[in-house]
């Protein structure tokens, strides 16, 4: 599954269809430890295809990795079985890159364990896990969640 092909929509295709610059692409990511790596490669490929700067590409790759890991680790806990797949979607507009990850709902709404301000300068006091959404909150322009009956969406914007 790691080498499953996907084709990001070119900015010109979107411009012709809807007016304005943009593009989007999606793919299923297996809910295994390698899933985050697959999602990072997916994001890097799409953003490089759209000719975004390397700083944005790497920032987006880190963010999607955290979102996918969160979906894999916490999704489906209340149903007793972990997810098999999560859905990763990238959308680019003229001034925004939005990363969205859908997975099964967890037992709680995703939120950082501590605010970035509370955790500032105390990285050694925090547990090794549980920092993903702190990273998302600190590195994104905006982020949020939507809970549904059968899935949960966590998104971040650059």
N, C-alpha and C. Protein backbone atom coordinates (compact mmCIF):
# COMPACT_ATOMS: atom_id res chain seq x y z
N UNK A 1 0.81 -1.19 0.00
CA UNK A 1 0.00 0.00 0.00
C UNK A 1 0.86 1.26 0.00
N UNK A 2 2.08 1.19 0.52
CA UNK A 2 2.93 2.38 0.62
C UNK A 2 3.22 3.01 -0.72
N UNK A 3 3.23 2.24 -1.79
CA UNK A 3 3.54 2.82 -3.08
C UNK A 3 2.30 3.01 -3.95
N UNK A 4 1.12 3.00 -3.32
CA UNK A 4 -0.12 3.26 -4.05
C UNK A 4 -0.05 4.65 -4.67
N UNK A 5 -0.36 4.74 -5.94
CA UNK A 5 -0.24 6.02 -6.65
C UNK A 5 -1.43 6.93 -6.32
N UNK A 6 -1.17 8.20 -6.27
CA UNK A 6 -2.20 9.21 -6.18
C UNK A 6 -1.77 10.36 -7.05
N UNK A 7 -2.70 11.14 -7.49
CA UNK A 7 -2.37 12.26 -8.35
C UNK A 7 -2.94 13.53 -7.77
N UNK A 8 -2.08 14.40 -7.27
CA UNK A 8 -2.60 15.69 -6.81
C UNK A 8 -3.17 16.46 -7.98
N UNK A 9 -4.22 17.17 -7.73
CA UNK A 9 -4.80 18.00 -8.76
C UNK A 9 -3.88 19.19 -8.97
N UNK A 10 -3.61 19.52 -10.20
CA UNK A 10 -2.73 20.66 -10.45
C UNK A 10 -3.47 21.96 -10.17
N UNK A 11 -2.76 22.98 -9.73
CA UNK A 11 -3.42 24.27 -9.49
C UNK A 11 -4.17 24.77 -10.72
N UNK A 12 -3.63 24.54 -11.92
CA UNK A 12 -4.31 25.01 -13.13
C UNK A 12 -5.63 24.29 -13.36
N UNK A 13 -5.69 22.98 -13.05
CA UNK A 13 -6.94 22.24 -13.19
C UNK A 13 -8.02 22.83 -12.30
N UNK A 14 -7.68 23.11 -11.06
CA UNK A 14 -8.65 23.67 -10.13
C UNK A 14 -9.07 25.07 -10.59
N UNK A 15 -8.10 25.85 -11.07
CA UNK A 15 -8.39 27.21 -11.51
C UNK A 15 -9.40 27.18 -12.66
N UNK A 16 -9.20 26.27 -13.61
CA UNK A 16 -10.14 26.17 -14.74
C UNK A 16 -11.52 25.73 -14.26
N UNK A 17 -11.57 24.81 -13.31
CA UNK A 17 -12.84 24.27 -12.85
C UNK A 17 -13.61 25.22 -11.96
N UNK A 18 -12.93 25.87 -11.01
CA UNK A 18 -13.63 26.65 -10.01
C UNK A 18 -13.27 28.12 -9.99
N UNK A 19 -12.22 28.48 -10.65
CA UNK A 19 -11.73 29.85 -10.55
C UNK A 19 -10.85 29.98 -9.32
N UNK A 20 -9.73 30.64 -9.45
CA UNK A 20 -8.81 30.78 -8.34
C UNK A 20 -7.78 29.66 -8.34
N UNK A 21 -6.72 29.87 -7.58
CA UNK A 21 -5.65 28.89 -7.53
C UNK A 21 -5.89 27.91 -6.39
N UNK A 22 -5.56 26.66 -6.61
CA UNK A 22 -5.73 25.66 -5.55
C UNK A 22 -5.57 24.27 -6.09
N UNK A 23 -5.81 23.30 -5.26
CA UNK A 23 -5.73 21.90 -5.62
C UNK A 23 -6.02 21.06 -4.40
N UNK A 24 -6.27 19.78 -4.61
CA UNK A 24 -6.44 18.89 -3.48
C UNK A 24 -6.15 17.46 -3.88
N UNK A 25 -5.86 16.64 -2.89
CA UNK A 25 -5.66 15.21 -3.11
C UNK A 25 -5.89 14.49 -1.79
N UNK A 26 -6.20 13.21 -1.89
CA UNK A 26 -6.52 12.40 -0.73
C UNK A 26 -5.99 10.99 -0.91
N UNK A 27 -5.89 10.27 0.19
CA UNK A 27 -5.56 8.85 0.13
C UNK A 27 -5.83 8.19 1.46
N UNK A 28 -6.09 6.90 1.40
CA UNK A 28 -6.20 6.09 2.60
C UNK A 28 -4.80 5.79 3.11
N UNK A 29 -4.64 5.80 4.40
CA UNK A 29 -3.35 5.50 5.04
C UNK A 29 -3.61 4.35 6.02
N UNK A 30 -2.81 3.28 5.97
CA UNK A 30 -3.03 2.19 6.91
C UNK A 30 -2.75 2.63 8.35
N UNK A 31 -3.55 2.14 9.26
CA UNK A 31 -3.43 2.51 10.68
C UNK A 31 -2.40 1.61 11.36
N UNK A 32 -1.17 1.74 10.92
CA UNK A 32 -0.03 1.01 11.47
C UNK A 32 1.06 2.04 11.73
N UNK A 33 2.10 1.70 12.49
CA UNK A 33 3.14 2.69 12.75
C UNK A 33 3.71 3.35 11.49
N UNK A 34 3.79 2.61 10.39
CA UNK A 34 4.32 3.18 9.15
C UNK A 34 3.34 4.14 8.48
N UNK A 35 2.10 4.20 8.96
CA UNK A 35 1.09 5.07 8.37
C UNK A 35 1.48 6.54 8.38
N UNK A 36 2.11 6.98 9.46
CA UNK A 36 2.53 8.38 9.55
C UNK A 36 3.59 8.69 8.48
N UNK A 37 4.49 7.76 8.23
CA UNK A 37 5.51 7.95 7.19
C UNK A 37 4.87 8.02 5.80
N UNK A 38 3.89 7.17 5.57
CA UNK A 38 3.19 7.17 4.29
C UNK A 38 2.48 8.51 4.09
N UNK A 39 1.84 9.02 5.14
CA UNK A 39 1.15 10.31 5.07
C UNK A 39 2.14 11.44 4.80
N UNK A 40 3.31 11.41 5.47
CA UNK A 40 4.33 12.44 5.22
C UNK A 40 4.77 12.44 3.76
N UNK A 41 5.02 11.25 3.21
CA UNK A 41 5.43 11.16 1.81
C UNK A 41 4.34 11.70 0.88
N UNK A 42 3.08 11.38 1.20
CA UNK A 42 1.94 11.85 0.43
C UNK A 42 1.89 13.39 0.41
N UNK A 43 2.04 13.99 1.58
CA UNK A 43 2.00 15.45 1.69
C UNK A 43 3.19 16.08 0.97
N UNK A 44 4.38 15.55 1.19
CA UNK A 44 5.56 16.11 0.51
C UNK A 44 5.39 16.06 -1.01
N UNK A 45 4.93 14.94 -1.52
CA UNK A 45 4.76 14.81 -2.97
C UNK A 45 3.75 15.83 -3.51
N UNK A 46 2.62 15.96 -2.84
CA UNK A 46 1.59 16.89 -3.30
C UNK A 46 2.07 18.34 -3.25
N UNK A 47 2.68 18.73 -2.14
CA UNK A 47 3.09 20.13 -1.99
C UNK A 47 4.25 20.47 -2.92
N UNK A 48 5.13 19.53 -3.18
CA UNK A 48 6.20 19.77 -4.15
C UNK A 48 5.62 19.84 -5.57
N UNK A 49 4.61 19.02 -5.85
CA UNK A 49 3.93 19.09 -7.14
C UNK A 49 3.33 20.48 -7.35
N UNK A 50 2.82 21.06 -6.28
CA UNK A 50 2.23 22.40 -6.34
C UNK A 50 3.27 23.50 -6.19
N UNK A 51 4.55 23.11 -6.11
CA UNK A 51 5.68 24.05 -6.06
C UNK A 51 5.66 24.97 -4.84
N UNK A 52 5.31 24.42 -3.69
CA UNK A 52 5.40 25.20 -2.46
C UNK A 52 6.84 25.16 -1.95
N UNK A 53 7.21 26.14 -1.15
CA UNK A 53 8.58 26.21 -0.64
C UNK A 53 8.85 25.05 0.33
N UNK A 54 10.11 24.69 0.44
CA UNK A 54 10.51 23.51 1.22
C UNK A 54 10.18 23.65 2.71
N UNK A 55 10.23 24.86 3.24
CA UNK A 55 9.86 25.07 4.65
C UNK A 55 8.40 24.67 4.88
N UNK A 56 7.51 25.09 3.99
CA UNK A 56 6.10 24.75 4.09
C UNK A 56 5.90 23.26 3.92
N UNK A 57 6.61 22.66 2.97
CA UNK A 57 6.51 21.22 2.72
C UNK A 57 6.85 20.44 3.99
N UNK A 58 7.96 20.77 4.61
CA UNK A 58 8.40 20.02 5.79
C UNK A 58 7.51 20.29 7.01
N UNK A 59 7.04 21.51 7.14
CA UNK A 59 6.11 21.82 8.23
C UNK A 59 4.81 21.04 8.08
N UNK A 60 4.29 20.99 6.87
CA UNK A 60 3.07 20.24 6.60
C UNK A 60 3.28 18.74 6.83
N UNK A 61 4.45 18.23 6.44
CA UNK A 61 4.75 16.81 6.64
C UNK A 61 4.76 16.47 8.14
N UNK A 62 5.34 17.33 8.95
CA UNK A 62 5.35 17.10 10.39
C UNK A 62 3.93 17.14 10.95
N UNK A 63 3.15 18.12 10.53
CA UNK A 63 1.78 18.24 11.05
C UNK A 63 0.92 17.04 10.67
N UNK A 64 0.99 16.60 9.43
CA UNK A 64 0.16 15.46 9.03
C UNK A 64 0.61 14.20 9.76
N UNK A 65 1.89 14.09 10.02
CA UNK A 65 2.39 12.94 10.78
C UNK A 65 1.77 12.92 12.18
N UNK A 66 1.70 14.06 12.82
CA UNK A 66 1.11 14.14 14.15
C UNK A 66 -0.40 13.85 14.11
N UNK A 67 -1.09 14.37 13.09
CA UNK A 67 -2.52 14.13 12.98
C UNK A 67 -2.83 12.66 12.73
N UNK A 68 -2.06 12.02 11.85
CA UNK A 68 -2.27 10.61 11.55
C UNK A 68 -1.95 9.75 12.77
N UNK A 69 -0.85 10.05 13.43
CA UNK A 69 -0.49 9.29 14.63
C UNK A 69 -1.58 9.39 15.68
N UNK A 70 -2.12 10.58 15.87
CA UNK A 70 -3.20 10.78 16.82
C UNK A 70 -4.41 9.93 16.45
N UNK A 71 -4.77 9.91 15.17
CA UNK A 71 -5.92 9.12 14.72
C UNK A 71 -5.69 7.62 14.93
N UNK A 72 -4.46 7.18 14.68
CA UNK A 72 -4.15 5.75 14.84
C UNK A 72 -4.15 5.36 16.31
N UNK A 73 -3.51 6.16 17.15
CA UNK A 73 -3.37 5.81 18.56
C UNK A 73 -4.69 5.93 19.32
N UNK A 74 -5.46 6.99 19.03
CA UNK A 74 -6.65 7.26 19.84
C UNK A 74 -7.97 6.89 19.18
N UNK A 75 -7.97 6.68 17.88
CA UNK A 75 -9.21 6.36 17.19
C UNK A 75 -9.71 4.97 17.52
N UNK A 76 -11.00 4.84 17.68
CA UNK A 76 -11.62 3.54 17.87
C UNK A 76 -11.48 2.95 19.26
N UNK A 77 -10.89 3.67 20.18
CA UNK A 77 -10.68 3.10 21.52
C UNK A 77 -11.98 2.72 22.21
N UNK A 78 -13.00 3.53 22.04
CA UNK A 78 -14.25 3.23 22.76
C UNK A 78 -15.00 2.07 22.15
N UNK A 79 -14.63 1.65 20.95
CA UNK A 79 -15.29 0.50 20.32
C UNK A 79 -14.51 -0.79 20.54
N UNK A 80 -13.35 -0.68 21.15
CA UNK A 80 -12.60 -1.87 21.48
C UNK A 80 -11.65 -2.37 20.41
N UNK A 81 -11.70 -1.79 19.21
CA UNK A 81 -10.77 -2.23 18.17
C UNK A 81 -10.13 -1.02 17.51
N UNK A 82 -8.85 -1.10 17.23
CA UNK A 82 -8.17 0.02 16.60
C UNK A 82 -8.61 0.17 15.14
N UNK A 83 -8.43 1.36 14.57
CA UNK A 83 -8.79 1.56 13.17
C UNK A 83 -7.86 0.76 12.25
N UNK A 84 -8.36 0.41 11.08
CA UNK A 84 -7.52 -0.26 10.08
C UNK A 84 -6.93 0.74 9.09
N UNK A 85 -7.69 1.82 8.84
CA UNK A 85 -7.25 2.84 7.88
C UNK A 85 -7.72 4.20 8.39
N UNK A 86 -7.00 5.25 7.99
CA UNK A 86 -7.44 6.62 8.21
C UNK A 86 -7.35 7.34 6.86
N UNK A 87 -8.16 8.36 6.69
CA UNK A 87 -8.23 9.10 5.44
C UNK A 87 -7.47 10.40 5.59
N UNK A 88 -6.55 10.67 4.68
CA UNK A 88 -5.73 11.87 4.72
C UNK A 88 -6.07 12.73 3.50
N UNK A 89 -6.38 14.00 3.73
CA UNK A 89 -6.77 14.91 2.65
C UNK A 89 -5.95 16.19 2.75
N UNK A 90 -5.48 16.67 1.61
CA UNK A 90 -4.72 17.91 1.53
C UNK A 90 -5.47 18.84 0.59
N UNK A 91 -5.68 20.07 1.02
CA UNK A 91 -6.34 21.05 0.18
C UNK A 91 -5.50 22.32 0.17
N UNK A 92 -5.24 22.82 -1.02
CA UNK A 92 -4.48 24.05 -1.17
C UNK A 92 -5.34 25.11 -1.82
N UNK A 93 -5.36 26.29 -1.22
CA UNK A 93 -5.99 27.44 -1.83
C UNK A 93 -4.88 28.46 -2.08
N UNK A 94 -5.23 29.64 -2.50
CA UNK A 94 -4.24 30.65 -2.81
C UNK A 94 -3.28 30.91 -1.64
N UNK A 95 -3.81 30.96 -0.42
CA UNK A 95 -2.95 31.32 0.72
C UNK A 95 -2.98 30.32 1.88
N UNK A 96 -3.56 29.15 1.67
CA UNK A 96 -3.70 28.19 2.76
C UNK A 96 -3.45 26.77 2.29
N UNK A 97 -2.82 25.98 3.16
CA UNK A 97 -2.76 24.54 2.99
C UNK A 97 -3.51 23.96 4.17
N UNK A 98 -4.52 23.15 3.90
CA UNK A 98 -5.31 22.53 4.97
C UNK A 98 -5.09 21.03 4.93
N UNK A 99 -4.69 20.47 6.05
CA UNK A 99 -4.47 19.04 6.20
C UNK A 99 -5.60 18.49 7.05
N UNK A 100 -6.27 17.45 6.57
CA UNK A 100 -7.38 16.86 7.31
C UNK A 100 -7.16 15.36 7.42
N UNK A 101 -7.45 14.81 8.58
CA UNK A 101 -7.34 13.37 8.79
C UNK A 101 -8.64 12.90 9.43
N UNK A 102 -9.27 11.90 8.79
CA UNK A 102 -10.48 11.29 9.31
C UNK A 102 -10.13 9.91 9.83
N UNK A 103 -10.65 9.60 10.98
CA UNK A 103 -10.49 8.27 11.55
C UNK A 103 -11.71 7.97 12.38
N UNK A 104 -11.76 6.78 12.97
CA UNK A 104 -12.90 6.47 13.83
C UNK A 104 -12.88 7.36 15.06
N UNK A 105 -14.06 7.65 15.62
CA UNK A 105 -14.07 8.52 16.79
C UNK A 105 -13.42 7.83 17.98
N UNK A 106 -12.75 8.61 18.79
CA UNK A 106 -12.19 8.10 20.03
C UNK A 106 -13.18 8.32 21.16
N UNK A 107 -12.76 8.01 22.36
CA UNK A 107 -13.63 8.17 23.52
C UNK A 107 -13.77 9.63 23.93
N UNK A 108 -12.82 10.48 23.51
CA UNK A 108 -12.85 11.90 23.89
C UNK A 108 -12.55 12.77 22.68
N UNK A 109 -12.83 14.06 22.83
CA UNK A 109 -12.50 15.02 21.78
C UNK A 109 -10.99 15.27 21.84
N UNK A 110 -10.30 15.23 20.69
CA UNK A 110 -8.86 15.48 20.72
C UNK A 110 -8.55 16.89 21.18
N UNK A 111 -7.61 17.00 22.12
CA UNK A 111 -7.14 18.30 22.59
C UNK A 111 -5.75 18.11 23.18
N UNK A 112 -4.93 19.16 23.14
CA UNK A 112 -3.60 19.04 23.74
C UNK A 112 -3.71 18.74 25.23
N UNK A 113 -2.79 17.98 25.75
CA UNK A 113 -2.80 17.67 27.18
C UNK A 113 -2.51 18.90 28.02
N UNK A 114 -1.64 19.77 27.50
CA UNK A 114 -1.31 21.04 28.16
C UNK A 114 -1.20 22.08 27.07
N UNK A 115 -1.50 23.31 27.40
CA UNK A 115 -1.38 24.36 26.40
C UNK A 115 0.09 24.60 26.08
N UNK A 116 0.41 25.06 24.86
CA UNK A 116 1.80 25.36 24.52
C UNK A 116 2.43 26.35 25.50
N UNK A 117 1.64 27.32 26.00
CA UNK A 117 2.18 28.30 26.94
C UNK A 117 2.55 27.65 28.27
N UNK A 118 1.70 26.73 28.76
CA UNK A 118 1.97 26.04 30.02
C UNK A 118 3.18 25.14 29.91
N UNK A 119 3.40 24.56 28.73
CA UNK A 119 4.49 23.60 28.54
C UNK A 119 5.80 24.26 28.14
N UNK A 120 5.79 25.55 27.86
CA UNK A 120 7.00 26.23 27.39
C UNK A 120 8.14 26.05 28.39
N UNK A 121 9.27 25.59 27.89
CA UNK A 121 10.47 25.42 28.70
C UNK A 121 10.44 24.23 29.63
N UNK A 122 9.42 23.37 29.55
CA UNK A 122 9.32 22.24 30.45
C UNK A 122 9.29 20.92 29.70
N UNK A 123 9.93 20.83 28.54
CA UNK A 123 9.81 19.63 27.72
C UNK A 123 10.27 18.37 28.45
N UNK A 124 11.27 18.47 29.31
CA UNK A 124 11.72 17.28 30.01
C UNK A 124 10.72 16.81 31.06
N UNK A 125 9.80 17.67 31.51
CA UNK A 125 8.83 17.28 32.51
C UNK A 125 7.61 16.59 31.90
N UNK A 126 7.41 16.73 30.59
CA UNK A 126 6.27 16.11 29.93
C UNK A 126 6.60 14.67 29.56
N UNK A 127 5.60 13.81 29.54
CA UNK A 127 5.86 12.43 29.10
C UNK A 127 6.26 12.41 27.63
N UNK A 128 6.89 11.32 27.21
CA UNK A 128 7.37 11.22 25.83
C UNK A 128 6.22 11.28 24.83
N UNK A 129 5.09 10.69 25.16
CA UNK A 129 3.94 10.76 24.26
C UNK A 129 3.02 11.88 24.74
N UNK A 130 2.06 12.25 23.90
CA UNK A 130 1.11 13.27 24.30
C UNK A 130 1.45 14.67 23.87
N UNK A 131 2.48 14.83 23.07
CA UNK A 131 2.88 16.17 22.63
C UNK A 131 2.39 16.50 21.22
N UNK A 132 1.80 15.54 20.53
CA UNK A 132 1.43 15.75 19.13
C UNK A 132 0.55 16.94 18.88
N UNK A 133 -0.53 17.07 19.64
CA UNK A 133 -1.43 18.20 19.42
C UNK A 133 -0.84 19.51 19.91
N UNK A 134 0.12 19.45 20.85
CA UNK A 134 0.85 20.67 21.22
C UNK A 134 1.65 21.16 20.03
N UNK A 135 2.27 20.22 19.31
CA UNK A 135 3.04 20.57 18.11
C UNK A 135 2.11 21.14 17.05
N UNK A 136 0.96 20.49 16.85
CA UNK A 136 -0.01 20.97 15.87
C UNK A 136 -0.47 22.38 16.22
N UNK A 137 -0.80 22.62 17.49
CA UNK A 137 -1.26 23.95 17.91
C UNK A 137 -0.18 25.00 17.73
N UNK A 138 1.06 24.65 18.01
CA UNK A 138 2.15 25.62 17.92
C UNK A 138 2.56 25.91 16.48
N UNK A 139 2.44 24.94 15.58
CA UNK A 139 2.97 25.11 14.22
C UNK A 139 1.92 25.45 13.17
N UNK A 140 0.66 25.41 13.51
CA UNK A 140 -0.37 25.70 12.52
C UNK A 140 -0.99 27.06 12.77
N UNK A 141 -1.56 27.62 11.71
CA UNK A 141 -2.26 28.90 11.83
C UNK A 141 -3.56 28.70 12.60
N UNK A 142 -4.20 27.57 12.35
CA UNK A 142 -5.44 27.20 13.03
C UNK A 142 -5.56 25.69 12.97
N UNK A 143 -6.28 25.12 13.90
CA UNK A 143 -6.56 23.69 13.87
C UNK A 143 -7.85 23.44 14.62
N UNK A 144 -8.43 22.27 14.42
CA UNK A 144 -9.66 21.97 15.12
C UNK A 144 -10.10 20.54 14.89
N UNK A 145 -11.25 20.22 15.45
CA UNK A 145 -11.81 18.87 15.35
C UNK A 145 -13.30 18.94 15.07
N UNK A 146 -13.80 17.89 14.50
CA UNK A 146 -15.24 17.69 14.35
C UNK A 146 -15.51 16.23 14.65
N UNK A 147 -16.43 15.99 15.54
CA UNK A 147 -16.79 14.63 15.91
C UNK A 147 -18.09 14.25 15.22
N UNK A 148 -18.11 13.08 14.66
CA UNK A 148 -19.32 12.53 14.07
C UNK A 148 -19.66 11.22 14.74
N UNK A 149 -20.76 10.61 14.34
CA UNK A 149 -21.12 9.31 14.92
C UNK A 149 -20.17 8.22 14.49
N UNK A 150 -19.71 8.30 13.25
CA UNK A 150 -18.88 7.20 12.73
C UNK A 150 -17.45 7.62 12.42
N UNK A 151 -17.13 8.89 12.55
CA UNK A 151 -15.75 9.30 12.32
C UNK A 151 -15.43 10.59 13.08
N UNK A 152 -14.16 10.89 13.08
CA UNK A 152 -13.65 12.10 13.72
C UNK A 152 -12.69 12.76 12.74
N UNK A 153 -12.83 14.04 12.58
CA UNK A 153 -11.97 14.82 11.71
C UNK A 153 -11.10 15.70 12.59
N UNK A 154 -9.77 15.67 12.33
CA UNK A 154 -8.85 16.61 12.95
C UNK A 154 -8.12 17.29 11.81
N UNK A 155 -8.05 18.61 11.83
CA UNK A 155 -7.47 19.37 10.73
C UNK A 155 -6.51 20.43 11.25
N UNK A 156 -5.63 20.86 10.37
CA UNK A 156 -4.71 21.96 10.67
C UNK A 156 -4.48 22.75 9.41
N UNK A 157 -4.28 24.06 9.56
CA UNK A 157 -4.02 24.94 8.41
C UNK A 157 -2.67 25.62 8.56
N UNK A 158 -2.00 25.74 7.45
CA UNK A 158 -0.74 26.50 7.35
C UNK A 158 -1.03 27.74 6.53
